Amino acid sequence: MKPEPPPERPAADLLAITQWLSPAFPIGAFAYSHGLEWSIAAGEVHDADSLHGWIAAVLRHGTGRNDAILAAHALRGHDAAELAAIAEALSPAAERLVELRAQGAAFCRAVNAVSGREMPEMALPVALGVAARDMAVPAPTVIALMLQAFAGNLVTIGVRFVPLGQTAGQGVLAALQPLITDIAAEALERSLSDLGGAFFRGDMAAAWHETQETRMFRT
């Protein structure tokens, strides 16, 4: 039987993961809207309910679900280079590929700098899974925290540009928590053949954003 880690180990590991996924960690997440900027400009996302629906769709049927599956396999020790290549192949638009690569590269550089690791650059969900492999934090928790950070960044964009009040934005994020925990748990049971997406409007929003004349975000 694997010995239990000392009491301070899980707490320290959890703090490290939450640091990596915090807005203060220098991966530049604030510069990417994942296509949400286009949807707001088009009037498709215009209040708390429509913001919740958009983020829920990208979590359940798009990037969120795929990232969760990729992170789950990375946590279990699957070959990182293969997973990173799959992650890139799943990108439905040029800007999504830029977002995936840039944030992943920044994450690896920052983690290496603060921890002494030597992780090569790779897609963000794969990099997180690799970095957290030996940590005393349950895999569903790692994945849920990743999805929470992703959703939180999108909520922040909605608060600023819909615009919504801060309380309304926090209400959206709180309402997404059951979905986030469900996706995190389900990801551990999925194979790589289960990867794929069906949030076509969000994918098109990412593509249309490439030619949007007035924009604040890179994607």
Protein backbone atom coordinates (compact mmCIF):
# COMPACT_ATOMS: atom_id res chain seq x y z
CA MET A 1 0.00 0.00 0.00
CA LYS A 2 1.27 3.46 -0.91
CA PRO A 3 2.13 5.38 2.27
CA GLU A 4 0.08 8.45 3.06
CA PRO A 5 1.94 11.72 2.47
CA PRO A 6 2.70 13.82 5.54
CA PRO A 7 -0.11 16.25 6.45
CA GLU A 8 1.78 19.28 5.21
CA ARG A 9 2.44 17.78 1.75
CA PRO A 10 -1.13 17.90 0.36
CA ALA A 11 -1.56 21.46 1.60
CA ALA A 12 1.72 22.58 0.04
CA ASP A 13 0.92 20.86 -3.25
CA LEU A 14 -2.57 22.35 -3.34
CA LEU A 15 -1.11 25.81 -2.77
CA ALA A 16 1.34 25.27 -5.62
CA ILE A 17 -1.40 24.25 -8.04
CA THR A 18 -3.64 27.15 -7.07
CA GLN A 19 -0.67 29.47 -7.57
CA TRP A 20 -0.10 28.08 -11.06
CA LEU A 21 -3.77 28.62 -11.93
CA SER A 22 -4.21 32.02 -10.33
CA PRO A 23 -4.64 35.19 -12.44
CA ALA A 24 -1.31 36.38 -11.03
CA PHE A 25 0.64 33.51 -12.61
CA PRO A 26 2.32 34.91 -15.74
CA ILE A 27 0.72 32.93 -18.56
CA GLY A 28 -1.13 35.92 -20.02
CA ALA A 29 -4.61 34.41 -19.76
CA PHE A 30 -6.09 37.91 -19.49
CA ALA A 31 -5.13 38.54 -23.14
CA TYR A 32 -7.30 35.71 -24.51
CA SER A 33 -11.10 35.63 -24.74
CA HIS A 34 -11.42 32.24 -26.50
CA GLY A 35 -13.79 33.87 -29.03
CA LEU A 36 -16.01 35.37 -26.33
CA GLU A 37 -15.11 38.91 -27.41
CA TRP A 38 -16.69 38.28 -30.82
CA SER A 39 -19.83 36.81 -29.22
CA ILE A 40 -20.20 39.86 -26.97
CA ALA A 41 -19.68 42.27 -29.89
CA ALA A 42 -22.27 40.35 -31.92
CA GLY A 43 -24.80 40.66 -29.10
CA GLU A 44 -25.04 36.91 -28.56
CA VAL A 45 -23.66 37.22 -25.03
CA HIS A 46 -25.39 40.19 -23.45
CA ASP A 47 -26.33 39.34 -19.86
CA ALA A 48 -25.56 36.91 -17.04
CA ASP A 49 -27.76 34.13 -18.42
CA SER A 50 -26.25 34.23 -21.90
CA LEU A 51 -22.73 34.40 -20.45
CA HIS A 52 -23.48 31.36 -18.30
CA GLY A 53 -24.83 29.49 -21.31
CA TRP A 54 -21.81 30.33 -23.47
CA ILE A 55 -19.26 29.26 -20.85
CA ALA A 56 -21.25 26.14 -19.93
CA ALA A 57 -21.27 25.13 -23.60
CA VAL A 58 -17.53 25.59 -24.03
CA LEU A 59 -16.95 23.59 -20.84
CA ARG A 60 -19.33 20.73 -21.60
CA HIS A 61 -19.02 20.48 -25.38
CA GLY A 62 -15.80 22.25 -26.31
CA THR A 63 -12.37 23.10 -24.97
CA GLY A 64 -13.22 22.46 -21.32
CA ARG A 65 -14.11 18.82 -21.83
CA ASN A 66 -11.15 18.16 -24.13
CA ASP A 67 -8.69 19.88 -21.81
CA ALA A 68 -10.03 17.86 -18.89
CA ILE A 69 -9.49 14.57 -20.74
CA LEU A 70 -6.00 15.57 -21.85
CA ALA A 71 -5.05 16.66 -18.33
CA ALA A 72 -6.39 13.39 -16.90
CA HIS A 73 -4.20 11.35 -19.23
CA ALA A 74 -1.19 13.56 -18.53
CA LEU A 75 -1.71 13.09 -14.79
CA ARG A 76 -1.68 9.32 -15.32
CA GLY A 77 1.67 9.42 -17.10
CA HIS A 78 0.64 9.25 -20.77
CA ASP A 79 3.33 10.45 -23.18
CA ALA A 80 3.25 14.25 -22.96
CA ALA A 81 4.49 14.88 -26.51
CA GLU A 82 1.69 12.76 -27.95
CA LEU A 83 -0.94 14.50 -25.82
CA ALA A 84 0.39 17.93 -26.77
CA ALA A 85 0.21 17.04 -30.47
CA ILE A 86 -3.39 15.88 -30.03
CA ALA A 87 -4.25 19.09 -28.19
CA GLU A 88 -2.91 21.16 -31.08
CA ALA A 89 -4.75 19.04 -33.64
CA LEU A 90 -8.02 19.72 -31.83
CA SER A 91 -7.65 23.51 -32.21
CA PRO A 92 -10.50 24.59 -34.55
CA ALA A 93 -9.04 27.98 -35.54
CA ALA A 94 -5.67 29.69 -35.88
CA GLU A 95 -6.25 31.92 -32.86
CA ARG A 96 -7.15 28.94 -30.68
CA LEU A 97 -3.84 27.33 -31.64
CA VAL A 98 -1.99 30.54 -30.74
CA GLU A 99 -3.82 30.64 -27.40
CA LEU A 100 -3.00 27.01 -26.64
CA ARG A 101 0.68 27.27 -27.53
CA ALA A 102 1.36 30.67 -25.98
CA GLN A 103 -0.26 29.94 -22.63
CA GLY A 104 1.31 26.49 -22.44
CA ALA A 105 4.77 27.84 -23.21
CA ALA A 106 4.40 30.62 -20.65
CA PHE A 107 3.17 28.14 -18.04
CA CYS A 108 6.15 25.85 -18.56
CA ARG A 109 8.64 28.72 -18.38
CA ALA A 110 7.10 30.08 -15.19
CA VAL A 111 6.85 26.67 -13.47
CA ASN A 112 10.45 25.89 -14.42
CA ALA A 113 11.60 29.23 -13.04
CA VAL A 114 9.92 28.88 -9.66
CA SER A 115 10.40 25.13 -9.15
CA GLY A 116 13.66 24.23 -10.85
CA ARG A 117 11.92 21.83 -13.22
CA GLU A 118 12.97 21.42 -16.84
CA MET A 119 9.62 20.95 -18.59
CA PRO A 120 9.69 21.46 -22.36
CA GLU A 121 7.04 23.74 -23.80
CA MET A 122 3.70 22.01 -24.40
CA ALA A 123 -0.04 22.68 -24.47
CA LEU A 124 -1.37 24.09 -21.21
CA PRO A 125 -3.67 21.23 -20.03
CA VAL A 126 -0.94 18.69 -20.75
CA ALA A 127 1.69 20.81 -19.00
CA LEU A 128 -0.49 21.11 -15.91
CA GLY A 129 -1.03 17.36 -15.81
CA VAL A 130 2.68 16.69 -16.15
CA ALA A 131 3.59 19.23 -13.48
CA ALA A 132 1.02 17.84 -11.04
CA ARG A 133 1.73 14.12 -11.60
CA ASP A 134 3.62 13.54 -8.36
CA MET A 135 1.60 15.90 -6.21
CA ALA A 136 -0.57 14.76 -3.31
CA VAL A 137 -3.71 16.31 -4.76
CA PRO A 138 -6.50 14.12 -6.20
CA ALA A 139 -6.71 14.20 -9.98
CA PRO A 140 -10.35 15.39 -10.02
CA THR A 141 -9.32 18.36 -7.86
CA VAL A 142 -6.46 19.30 -10.19
CA ILE A 143 -8.74 19.13 -13.22
CA ALA A 144 -11.57 21.01 -11.52
CA LEU A 145 -9.19 23.80 -10.50
CA MET A 146 -7.98 24.04 -14.10
CA LEU A 147 -11.54 24.33 -15.41
CA GLN A 148 -12.42 26.85 -12.70
CA ALA A 149 -9.49 29.03 -13.73
CA PHE A 150 -10.52 28.82 -17.39
CA ALA A 151 -14.13 29.68 -16.59
CA GLY A 152 -13.08 32.43 -14.19
CA ASN A 153 -11.06 34.18 -16.89
CA LEU A 154 -14.07 34.12 -19.22
CA VAL A 155 -16.36 35.44 -16.49
CA THR A 156 -13.95 38.30 -15.89
CA ILE A 157 -14.15 39.18 -19.58
CA GLY A 158 -17.94 39.13 -19.39
CA VAL A 159 -17.96 41.36 -16.32
CA ARG A 160 -15.81 43.94 -18.09
CA PHE A 161 -17.26 43.92 -21.58
CA VAL A 162 -20.93 42.84 -21.47
CA PRO A 163 -20.76 44.57 -18.95
CA LEU A 164 -21.97 42.85 -15.79
CA GLY A 165 -21.65 43.74 -12.13
CA GLN A 166 -19.03 41.93 -10.09
CA THR A 167 -21.69 40.14 -8.06
CA ALA A 168 -23.50 38.96 -11.19
CA GLY A 169 -20.22 37.62 -12.54
CA GLN A 170 -19.53 35.71 -9.35
CA GLY A 171 -23.04 34.31 -9.54
CA VAL A 172 -22.28 32.96 -13.01
CA LEU A 173 -19.06 31.34 -11.81
CA ALA A 174 -20.75 29.82 -8.76
CA ALA A 175 -23.52 28.40 -10.95
CA LEU A 176 -20.89 26.68 -13.12
CA GLN A 177 -19.27 24.80 -10.22
CA PRO A 178 -21.49 21.67 -10.37
CA LEU A 179 -20.77 21.36 -14.09
CA ILE A 180 -17.06 21.82 -13.51
CA THR A 181 -16.90 19.08 -10.88
CA ASP A 182 -18.92 16.72 -13.11
CA ILE A 183 -16.64 17.25 -16.10
CA ALA A 184 -13.54 16.77 -13.95
CA ALA A 185 -14.83 13.46 -12.59
CA GLU A 186 -15.99 12.22 -15.99
CA ALA A 187 -12.64 13.03 -17.62
CA LEU A 188 -10.92 10.32 -15.59
CA GLU A 189 -13.16 7.71 -17.22
CA ARG A 190 -12.67 8.89 -20.81
CA SER A 191 -10.21 7.54 -23.36
CA LEU A 192 -8.45 9.62 -25.97
CA SER A 193 -10.95 8.37 -28.53
CA ASP A 194 -13.63 10.30 -26.60
CA LEU A 195 -11.96 13.61 -27.50
CA GLY A 196 -13.90 15.96 -29.75
CA GLY A 197 -16.15 18.97 -29.61
CA ALA A 198 -19.59 20.15 -30.63
CA PHE A 199 -19.67 23.82 -29.63
CA PHE A 200 -19.67 24.97 -33.24
CA ARG A 201 -20.85 28.52 -32.55
CA GLY A 202 -17.96 29.05 -30.18
CA ASP A 203 -15.52 27.59 -32.72
CA MET A 204 -16.85 29.94 -35.40
CA ALA A 205 -16.63 32.86 -32.97
CA ALA A 206 -12.92 32.10 -32.61
CA ALA A 207 -12.51 32.07 -36.39
CA TRP A 208 -14.54 35.25 -36.94
CA HIS A 209 -12.53 37.01 -34.24
CA GLU A 210 -9.49 36.78 -36.51
CA THR A 211 -10.98 39.48 -38.76
CA GLN A 212 -12.83 41.49 -36.11
CA GLU A 213 -11.87 45.13 -36.69
CA THR A 214 -12.06 46.44 -33.11
CA ARG A 215 -10.80 44.07 -30.45
CA MET A 216 -9.05 44.07 -27.10
CA PHE A 217 -8.03 40.41 -26.96
CA ARG A 218 -5.66 38.25 -28.99
CA THR A 219 -8.35 35.59 -29.45
